[in-house]
Structure formats: C-alpha cells, structure tokens
C-alpha cells in the first residue's frame, strides 16, 4: 500500500485527484469563495474546510461522489432542495454522474456564513452584558 502524502493546502488536496475530479473540486471551491469571500481556507481532517466565525463547509472527493459537509442546520434548512441527493446528519453526497448544483452550494454556504455571523454577534452581545 502506497503512503499518500497528507495535503497541507487546498491546492495540494485538489491536485492529488484526476483532472475530471479536480475540475469539480475547483468549481465547488469557486462557489464557496464567491459565497463567503471572507472565509479562511484550511485543511482539517485531511479535507478542505472554510471557516468564518465557525465552519462554513467542508468538502471531499470520494470514489463515487463529492461529500459536502455544511452541518446539520443547513441540511434541515435545505431539506426540500436536497431531496434528490443522499443526505445524513451533516453530509450531502453529490454523485459524479450528476451536474453539481453550484447555485444550491452557494446558497448553503451563504446560509452558514450568515448564521455564523449572527451567532458571533449574539456571543459578543452576551459577553458585553456579562461584563457590565
């Protein structure tokens, strides 16, 4: 079994896949960056993650699909729009044989981005109140 180097950047992660998968991953990356331009890109759990005052989304290439991990709140909020996809508690599978729903991905990312911003404001408001 060949030891695969753990990627340190999202570019390294994406470049480790065949060109057709790279293309899909780049499209998801672009959609996330457009929807949440202030989000920080990192590798966590050996996959790309975007964070802005909390996690906005993870994604990862698998053998038959791209896993998109926006968390359970987003899955619940977009339950109807995600009815054509396999979902679980915080996961969506986008199969390789279907077009990527880039608009939906952007909407989910914006949802998490705004939700994280609101949570942060509430947290700061509580801290201000507690310190008065």
N, C-alpha and C. Protein backbone atom coordinates (compact mmCIF):
# COMPACT_ATOMS: atom_id res chain seq x y z
N UNK A 1 0.84 -1.18 0.00
CA UNK A 1 0.00 0.00 0.00
C UNK A 1 0.88 1.24 0.00
N UNK A 2 0.61 2.15 -0.89
CA UNK A 2 1.39 3.36 -1.04
C UNK A 2 0.96 4.39 0.00
N UNK A 3 1.94 5.01 0.67
CA UNK A 3 1.62 6.08 1.61
C UNK A 3 1.32 7.35 0.84
N UNK A 4 0.15 7.89 1.06
CA UNK A 4 -0.24 9.12 0.37
C UNK A 4 0.10 10.30 1.27
N UNK A 5 0.73 11.30 0.69
CA UNK A 5 1.11 12.49 1.44
C UNK A 5 -0.15 13.25 1.86
N UNK A 6 -0.20 13.65 3.11
CA UNK A 6 -1.33 14.42 3.62
C UNK A 6 -1.20 15.84 3.08
N UNK A 7 -2.23 16.34 2.42
CA UNK A 7 -2.13 17.69 1.85
C UNK A 7 -2.08 18.76 2.94
N UNK A 8 -1.30 19.78 2.68
CA UNK A 8 -1.20 20.91 3.61
C UNK A 8 -2.02 22.10 3.14
N UNK A 9 -2.35 22.13 1.86
CA UNK A 9 -3.14 23.23 1.31
C UNK A 9 -4.28 22.67 0.46
N UNK A 10 -5.23 23.50 0.16
CA UNK A 10 -6.34 23.07 -0.69
C UNK A 10 -5.84 22.82 -2.11
N UNK A 11 -4.89 23.61 -2.57
CA UNK A 11 -4.30 23.35 -3.89
C UNK A 11 -3.69 21.96 -3.96
N UNK A 12 -2.95 21.57 -2.91
CA UNK A 12 -2.35 20.23 -2.87
C UNK A 12 -3.43 19.16 -2.85
N UNK A 13 -4.48 19.41 -2.07
CA UNK A 13 -5.58 18.45 -1.99
C UNK A 13 -6.19 18.23 -3.37
N UNK A 14 -6.56 19.31 -4.03
CA UNK A 14 -7.22 19.22 -5.33
C UNK A 14 -6.31 18.57 -6.37
N UNK A 15 -5.04 18.94 -6.36
CA UNK A 15 -4.12 18.40 -7.38
C UNK A 15 -3.84 16.91 -7.21
N UNK A 16 -4.24 16.33 -6.09
CA UNK A 16 -4.00 14.91 -5.86
C UNK A 16 -5.02 14.00 -6.56
N UNK A 17 -6.00 14.61 -7.25
CA UNK A 17 -7.06 13.85 -7.91
C UNK A 17 -6.92 13.92 -9.43
N UNK A 18 -7.56 12.99 -10.13
CA UNK A 18 -7.55 13.03 -11.60
C UNK A 18 -8.19 14.34 -12.11
N UNK A 19 -7.83 14.77 -13.31
CA UNK A 19 -8.29 16.05 -13.86
C UNK A 19 -9.82 16.25 -13.82
N UNK A 20 -10.59 15.22 -14.11
CA UNK A 20 -12.05 15.39 -14.12
C UNK A 20 -12.59 15.66 -12.71
N UNK A 21 -11.98 15.08 -11.70
CA UNK A 21 -12.38 15.33 -10.31
C UNK A 21 -11.87 16.71 -9.87
N UNK A 22 -10.64 17.04 -10.28
CA UNK A 22 -10.09 18.37 -9.98
C UNK A 22 -11.02 19.46 -10.47
N UNK A 23 -11.55 19.28 -11.64
CA UNK A 23 -12.45 20.28 -12.22
C UNK A 23 -13.68 20.51 -11.33
N UNK A 24 -14.26 19.43 -10.84
CA UNK A 24 -15.42 19.53 -9.95
C UNK A 24 -15.06 20.19 -8.63
N UNK A 25 -13.92 19.80 -8.07
CA UNK A 25 -13.48 20.38 -6.80
C UNK A 25 -13.21 21.87 -6.95
N UNK A 26 -12.62 22.26 -8.07
CA UNK A 26 -12.36 23.69 -8.32
C UNK A 26 -13.66 24.48 -8.44
N UNK A 27 -14.67 23.87 -9.04
CA UNK A 27 -15.98 24.55 -9.15
C UNK A 27 -16.61 24.76 -7.78
N UNK A 28 -16.51 23.75 -6.93
CA UNK A 28 -17.04 23.88 -5.57
C UNK A 28 -16.26 24.95 -4.81
N UNK A 29 -14.95 24.91 -4.93
CA UNK A 29 -14.11 25.91 -4.25
C UNK A 29 -14.49 27.32 -4.68
N UNK A 30 -14.66 27.51 -5.97
CA UNK A 30 -15.02 28.83 -6.50
C UNK A 30 -16.38 29.28 -5.97
N UNK A 31 -17.34 28.37 -5.93
CA UNK A 31 -18.69 28.70 -5.42
C UNK A 31 -18.62 29.09 -3.95
N UNK A 32 -17.82 28.38 -3.17
CA UNK A 32 -17.70 28.68 -1.75
C UNK A 32 -17.03 30.05 -1.56
N UNK A 33 -15.95 30.28 -2.28
CA UNK A 33 -15.22 31.55 -2.13
C UNK A 33 -16.06 32.74 -2.56
N UNK A 34 -16.90 32.54 -3.57
CA UNK A 34 -17.77 33.63 -4.02
C UNK A 34 -18.87 33.90 -2.98
N UNK A 35 -19.41 32.84 -2.40
CA UNK A 35 -20.50 32.99 -1.42
C UNK A 35 -20.00 33.47 -0.06
N UNK A 36 -18.77 33.15 0.28
CA UNK A 36 -18.21 33.53 1.58
C UNK A 36 -16.77 34.01 1.39
N UNK A 37 -16.61 35.19 0.79
CA UNK A 37 -15.26 35.65 0.44
C UNK A 37 -14.33 35.87 1.64
N UNK A 38 -14.88 36.10 2.81
CA UNK A 38 -14.04 36.30 3.99
C UNK A 38 -13.65 34.99 4.68
N UNK A 39 -14.21 33.90 4.23
CA UNK A 39 -13.92 32.61 4.86
C UNK A 39 -12.46 32.23 4.64
N UNK A 40 -11.87 31.67 5.67
CA UNK A 40 -10.49 31.22 5.62
C UNK A 40 -10.44 29.78 5.11
N UNK A 41 -9.53 29.54 4.18
CA UNK A 41 -9.33 28.19 3.63
C UNK A 41 -8.29 27.46 4.47
N UNK A 42 -8.60 26.22 4.81
CA UNK A 42 -7.66 25.38 5.57
C UNK A 42 -7.85 23.94 5.17
N UNK A 43 -6.94 23.11 5.64
CA UNK A 43 -7.12 21.66 5.58
C UNK A 43 -7.35 21.21 7.02
N UNK A 44 -8.40 20.46 7.22
CA UNK A 44 -8.71 19.91 8.53
C UNK A 44 -9.31 18.52 8.30
N UNK A 45 -8.92 17.57 9.09
CA UNK A 45 -9.34 16.17 8.88
C UNK A 45 -8.99 15.72 7.46
N UNK A 46 -7.89 16.23 6.93
CA UNK A 46 -7.38 15.90 5.60
C UNK A 46 -8.32 16.30 4.47
N UNK A 47 -9.19 17.30 4.71
CA UNK A 47 -10.07 17.81 3.67
C UNK A 47 -10.14 19.33 3.73
N UNK A 48 -10.53 19.95 2.62
CA UNK A 48 -10.70 21.40 2.62
C UNK A 48 -11.84 21.82 3.54
N UNK A 49 -11.60 22.88 4.28
CA UNK A 49 -12.63 23.47 5.13
C UNK A 49 -12.57 24.97 4.96
N UNK A 50 -13.72 25.58 5.06
CA UNK A 50 -13.85 27.04 5.00
C UNK A 50 -14.46 27.49 6.30
N UNK A 51 -13.79 28.46 6.94
CA UNK A 51 -14.25 28.93 8.24
C UNK A 51 -14.42 30.44 8.23
N UNK A 52 -15.52 30.86 8.81
CA UNK A 52 -15.78 32.27 9.07
C UNK A 52 -16.60 32.33 10.34
N UNK A 53 -15.95 32.65 11.44
CA UNK A 53 -16.60 32.68 12.74
C UNK A 53 -17.26 31.33 13.04
N UNK A 54 -16.62 30.29 12.58
CA UNK A 54 -17.10 28.92 12.69
C UNK A 54 -17.00 28.26 11.32
N UNK A 55 -17.33 26.99 11.25
CA UNK A 55 -17.25 26.26 9.99
C UNK A 55 -18.36 26.70 9.05
N UNK A 56 -17.98 26.96 7.80
CA UNK A 56 -18.96 27.27 6.75
C UNK A 56 -19.25 25.98 5.98
N UNK A 57 -18.19 25.25 5.61
CA UNK A 57 -18.38 23.96 4.94
C UNK A 57 -17.04 23.25 4.74
N UNK A 58 -17.11 21.94 4.71
CA UNK A 58 -16.03 21.07 4.29
C UNK A 58 -16.45 20.45 2.97
N UNK A 59 -15.48 19.96 2.20
CA UNK A 59 -15.81 19.10 1.06
C UNK A 59 -14.69 18.11 0.84
N UNK A 60 -15.02 17.00 0.18
CA UNK A 60 -14.01 15.96 -0.07
C UNK A 60 -14.44 15.09 -1.23
N UNK A 61 -13.47 14.67 -2.01
CA UNK A 61 -13.73 13.74 -3.11
C UNK A 61 -13.67 12.31 -2.59
N UNK A 62 -14.62 11.52 -3.02
CA UNK A 62 -14.68 10.10 -2.66
C UNK A 62 -14.78 9.29 -3.95
N UNK A 63 -14.89 7.98 -3.85
CA UNK A 63 -14.86 7.15 -5.05
C UNK A 63 -16.02 7.38 -6.00
N UNK A 64 -17.23 7.65 -5.48
CA UNK A 64 -18.39 7.81 -6.36
C UNK A 64 -19.09 9.16 -6.24
N UNK A 65 -18.58 10.01 -5.37
CA UNK A 65 -19.27 11.27 -5.12
C UNK A 65 -18.33 12.29 -4.46
N UNK A 66 -18.80 13.52 -4.43
CA UNK A 66 -18.15 14.54 -3.62
C UNK A 66 -18.99 14.70 -2.37
N UNK A 67 -18.34 14.59 -1.24
CA UNK A 67 -19.01 14.82 0.03
C UNK A 67 -18.95 16.31 0.35
N UNK A 68 -20.08 16.86 0.70
CA UNK A 68 -20.16 18.27 1.09
C UNK A 68 -20.71 18.28 2.50
N UNK A 69 -20.03 18.95 3.40
CA UNK A 69 -20.33 18.86 4.82
C UNK A 69 -20.64 20.24 5.41
N UNK A 70 -21.88 20.69 5.29
CA UNK A 70 -22.24 22.01 5.81
C UNK A 70 -22.80 21.97 7.23
N UNK A 71 -22.97 20.79 7.79
CA UNK A 71 -23.53 20.66 9.13
C UNK A 71 -25.02 20.41 9.11
N UNK A 72 -25.56 19.94 10.23
CA UNK A 72 -26.97 19.54 10.29
C UNK A 72 -27.97 20.68 10.11
N UNK A 73 -27.65 21.88 10.57
CA UNK A 73 -28.58 23.01 10.42
C UNK A 73 -28.87 23.32 8.97
N UNK A 74 -27.85 23.27 8.14
CA UNK A 74 -28.03 23.54 6.71
C UNK A 74 -28.80 22.42 6.03
N UNK A 75 -28.55 21.18 6.44
CA UNK A 75 -29.28 20.05 5.86
C UNK A 75 -30.77 20.19 6.15
N UNK A 76 -31.10 20.57 7.36
CA UNK A 76 -32.51 20.77 7.73
C UNK A 76 -33.10 21.94 6.96
N UNK A 77 -32.38 23.05 6.91
CA UNK A 77 -32.88 24.26 6.25
C UNK A 77 -33.12 24.06 4.75
N UNK A 78 -32.32 23.20 4.12
CA UNK A 78 -32.43 22.99 2.67
C UNK A 78 -32.95 21.59 2.34
N UNK A 79 -33.69 21.01 3.27
CA UNK A 79 -34.18 19.64 3.11
C UNK A 79 -34.90 19.43 1.77
N UNK A 80 -35.79 20.34 1.43
CA UNK A 80 -36.56 20.19 0.19
C UNK A 80 -35.66 20.27 -1.04
N UNK A 81 -34.75 21.24 -1.07
CA UNK A 81 -33.85 21.41 -2.21
C UNK A 81 -32.87 20.25 -2.36
N UNK A 82 -32.63 19.53 -1.26
CA UNK A 82 -31.68 18.43 -1.26
C UNK A 82 -32.34 17.07 -1.46
N UNK A 83 -33.62 17.06 -1.76
CA UNK A 83 -34.36 15.80 -1.85
C UNK A 83 -33.83 14.84 -2.93
N UNK A 84 -33.12 15.35 -3.93
CA UNK A 84 -32.56 14.50 -4.98
C UNK A 84 -31.20 13.91 -4.62
N UNK A 85 -30.69 14.25 -3.45
CA UNK A 85 -29.36 13.82 -3.04
C UNK A 85 -29.40 13.01 -1.76
N UNK A 86 -28.42 12.13 -1.60
CA UNK A 86 -28.28 11.43 -0.34
C UNK A 86 -27.79 12.43 0.69
N UNK A 87 -28.47 12.46 1.84
CA UNK A 87 -28.03 13.31 2.94
C UNK A 87 -28.07 12.49 4.23
N UNK A 88 -27.26 12.91 5.16
CA UNK A 88 -27.33 12.37 6.52
C UNK A 88 -27.21 13.57 7.45
N UNK A 89 -26.93 13.34 8.70
CA UNK A 89 -26.97 14.41 9.70
C UNK A 89 -26.30 15.72 9.24
N UNK A 90 -25.10 15.68 8.70
CA UNK A 90 -24.42 16.90 8.28
C UNK A 90 -23.74 16.78 6.94
N UNK A 91 -24.18 15.78 6.16
CA UNK A 91 -23.49 15.42 4.92
C UNK A 91 -24.43 15.42 3.72
N UNK A 92 -23.89 15.83 2.58
CA UNK A 92 -24.60 15.72 1.30
C UNK A 92 -23.65 15.01 0.34
N UNK A 93 -24.17 14.07 -0.43
CA UNK A 93 -23.38 13.41 -1.47
C UNK A 93 -23.81 13.96 -2.82
N UNK A 94 -22.84 14.48 -3.57
CA UNK A 94 -23.07 14.90 -4.94
C UNK A 94 -22.41 13.87 -5.85
N UNK A 95 -23.22 12.99 -6.46
CA UNK A 95 -22.64 11.93 -7.29
C UNK A 95 -21.97 12.50 -8.54
N UNK A 96 -20.91 11.80 -8.96
CA UNK A 96 -20.16 12.26 -10.13
C UNK A 96 -20.97 12.22 -11.41
N UNK A 97 -22.01 11.41 -11.46
CA UNK A 97 -22.78 11.29 -12.70
C UNK A 97 -23.91 12.31 -12.82
N UNK A 98 -23.98 13.27 -11.89
CA UNK A 98 -24.97 14.35 -11.97
C UNK A 98 -24.24 15.68 -11.97
N UNK A 99 -24.80 16.69 -12.62
CA UNK A 99 -24.16 18.02 -12.57
C UNK A 99 -24.15 18.56 -11.13
N UNK A 100 -23.09 19.26 -10.79
CA UNK A 100 -23.01 19.86 -9.47
C UNK A 100 -24.04 20.98 -9.33
N UNK A 101 -24.78 21.00 -8.23
CA UNK A 101 -25.76 22.09 -8.02
C UNK A 101 -25.06 23.32 -7.41
N UNK A 102 -24.28 24.01 -8.23
CA UNK A 102 -23.44 25.09 -7.72
C UNK A 102 -24.24 26.22 -7.08
N UNK A 103 -25.39 26.51 -7.63
CA UNK A 103 -26.23 27.56 -7.04
C UNK A 103 -26.69 27.15 -5.63
N UNK A 104 -27.09 25.91 -5.49
CA UNK A 104 -27.51 25.39 -4.19
C UNK A 104 -26.34 25.38 -3.20
N UNK A 105 -25.17 24.98 -3.67
CA UNK A 105 -23.99 25.00 -2.81
C UNK A 105 -23.74 26.42 -2.31
N UNK A 106 -23.84 27.39 -3.20
CA UNK A 106 -23.66 28.80 -2.81
C UNK A 106 -24.69 29.24 -1.79
N UNK A 107 -25.93 28.83 -1.98
CA UNK A 107 -26.99 29.20 -1.04
C UNK A 107 -26.73 28.60 0.35
N UNK A 108 -26.29 27.37 0.37
CA UNK A 108 -26.00 26.70 1.64
C UNK A 108 -24.83 27.40 2.35
N UNK A 109 -23.80 27.73 1.58
CA UNK A 109 -22.63 28.41 2.16
C UNK A 109 -23.04 29.77 2.71
N UNK A 110 -23.84 30.53 1.96
CA UNK A 110 -24.32 31.83 2.45
C UNK A 110 -25.14 31.68 3.72
N UNK A 111 -25.96 30.65 3.75
CA UNK A 111 -26.77 30.36 4.94
C UNK A 111 -25.87 30.17 6.17
N UNK A 112 -24.85 29.33 6.03
CA UNK A 112 -23.93 29.09 7.15
C UNK A 112 -23.12 30.33 7.50
N UNK A 113 -22.70 31.06 6.50
CA UNK A 113 -21.93 32.29 6.70
C UNK A 113 -22.74 33.29 7.53
N UNK A 114 -23.98 33.51 7.14
CA UNK A 114 -24.86 34.45 7.85
C UNK A 114 -25.17 33.93 9.25
N UNK A 115 -25.44 32.64 9.35
CA UNK A 115 -25.75 32.05 10.66
C UNK A 115 -24.56 32.18 11.61
N UNK A 116 -23.35 31.95 11.11
CA UNK A 116 -22.15 32.10 11.94
C UNK A 116 -21.97 33.55 12.38
N UNK A 117 -22.25 34.47 11.49
CA UNK A 117 -22.14 35.90 11.80
C UNK A 117 -23.13 36.27 12.90
N UNK A 118 -24.36 35.78 12.78
CA UNK A 118 -25.39 36.06 13.79
C UNK A 118 -25.04 35.44 15.14
N UNK A 119 -24.53 34.21 15.14
CA UNK A 119 -24.11 33.57 16.39
C UNK A 119 -22.99 34.37 17.05
N UNK A 120 -22.06 34.86 16.24
CA UNK A 120 -20.95 35.63 16.77
C UNK A 120 -21.44 36.94 17.41
N UNK A 121 -22.39 37.60 16.76
CA UNK A 121 -22.96 38.83 17.31
C UNK A 121 -23.65 38.56 18.65
N UNK A 122 -24.40 37.47 18.71
CA UNK A 122 -25.07 37.11 19.96
C UNK A 122 -24.05 36.83 21.06
N UNK A 123 -23.00 36.10 20.71
CA UNK A 123 -21.96 35.76 21.67
C UNK A 123 -21.30 37.04 22.20
N UNK A 124 -20.98 37.96 21.30
CA UNK A 124 -20.36 39.23 21.71
C UNK A 124 -21.32 40.06 22.56
N UNK A 125 -22.60 40.03 22.21
CA UNK A 125 -23.61 40.74 22.99
C UNK A 125 -23.71 40.20 24.40
N UNK A 126 -23.66 38.87 24.55
CA UNK A 126 -23.71 38.24 25.87
C UNK A 126 -22.48 38.60 26.69
N UNK A 127 -21.32 38.61 26.05
CA UNK A 127 -20.09 38.94 26.77
C UNK A 127 -20.14 40.38 27.27
N UNK A 128 -20.66 41.29 26.43
CA UNK A 128 -20.78 42.70 26.82
C UNK A 128 -21.72 42.82 28.02
N UNK A 129 -22.84 42.10 27.94
CA UNK A 129 -23.84 42.14 29.00
C UNK A 129 -23.27 41.59 30.31
N UNK A 130 -22.54 40.47 30.20
CA UNK A 130 -21.97 39.82 31.39
C UNK A 130 -20.88 40.66 32.03
N UNK A 131 -20.16 41.45 31.23
CA UNK A 131 -19.08 42.25 31.80
C UNK A 131 -19.55 43.59 32.34
N UNK A 132 -20.81 43.95 32.09
CA UNK A 132 -21.33 45.23 32.61
C UNK A 132 -21.73 45.14 34.06
